[in-house]
Amino acid sequence: MVNEDLSDDDDDFGMVIHVHRYSCGCRTVRRDYHDGSVGERTVRHDGKKVASQLRPEQGC
């Protein structure tokens, strides 16, 4: 099982930021913007950005 830490933050105007930090050092930051759009960034433990959700074959 992968240990992970989830934290959320918001600006009281509709923007919400979700941060997942995994025990291996990888992290995913998801931003839900005021207009309903969503942005997501995933960074592996070695600092390399990946295009989608982390999967075991990506080294996490």
Protein backbone atom coordinates (compact mmCIF):
# COMPACT_ATOMS: atom_id res chain seq x y z
CA MET A 1 0.00 0.00 0.00
CA VAL A 2 1.25 3.48 -0.87
CA ASN A 3 1.15 6.03 1.93
CA GLU A 4 -0.14 9.37 0.80
CA ASP A 5 -0.90 12.75 2.30
CA LEU A 6 -3.81 14.78 0.96
CA SER A 7 -4.24 18.46 1.66
CA ASP A 8 -6.83 20.90 0.32
CA ASP A 9 -6.89 24.67 0.22
CA ASP A 10 -9.39 27.16 -1.18
CA ASP A 11 -9.66 30.92 -1.62
CA ASP A 12 -13.32 31.29 -0.54
CA PHE A 13 -14.22 32.33 -4.09
CA GLY A 14 -14.45 28.89 -5.68
CA MET A 15 -10.85 27.92 -6.42
CA VAL A 16 -9.79 24.69 -4.71
CA ILE A 17 -6.28 23.20 -4.66
CA HIS A 18 -5.80 19.51 -3.88
CA VAL A 19 -2.26 18.28 -3.17
CA HIS A 20 -1.39 14.57 -2.94
CA ARG A 21 2.06 13.76 -1.58
CA TYR A 22 3.13 10.13 -1.82
CA SER A 23 5.63 8.39 0.44
CA CYS A 24 7.99 7.87 -2.50
CA GLY A 25 8.27 11.64 -3.02
CA CYS A 26 5.91 11.95 -6.00
CA ARG A 27 3.17 14.57 -5.86
CA THR A 28 0.06 15.63 -7.75
CA VAL A 29 -1.41 19.12 -7.60
CA ARG A 30 -4.94 19.62 -8.93
CA ARG A 31 -6.47 23.08 -9.25
CA ASP A 32 -10.22 23.52 -9.68
CA TYR A 33 -10.64 27.07 -10.96
CA HIS A 34 -13.50 29.53 -10.44
CA ASP A 35 -14.78 29.06 -14.01
CA GLY A 36 -15.04 25.27 -13.65
CA SER A 37 -11.83 24.44 -15.49
CA VAL A 38 -9.31 22.05 -13.96
CA GLY A 39 -5.54 21.93 -14.12
CA GLU A 40 -3.41 19.07 -12.89
CA ARG A 41 0.35 18.66 -12.57
CA THR A 42 2.13 15.49 -11.51
CA VAL A 43 5.81 15.42 -10.56
CA ARG A 44 7.70 12.19 -9.90
CA HIS A 45 10.04 11.74 -6.96
CA ASP A 46 13.01 12.45 -9.26
CA GLY A 47 11.54 15.83 -10.29
CA LYS A 48 10.36 14.74 -13.75
CA LYS A 49 6.94 16.05 -14.76
CA VAL A 50 4.48 13.47 -16.10
CA ALA A 51 1.43 14.09 -18.24
CA SER A 52 -1.14 12.04 -16.35
CA GLN A 53 -1.88 10.24 -13.09
CA LEU A 54 0.98 8.29 -11.59
CA ARG A 55 1.01 4.58 -12.36
CA PRO A 56 3.38 1.89 -11.09
CA GLU A 57 5.11 1.63 -14.48
CA GLN A 58 6.13 5.31 -14.17
CA GLY A 59 8.45 4.48 -11.32
CA CYS A 60 6.31 5.43 -8.37
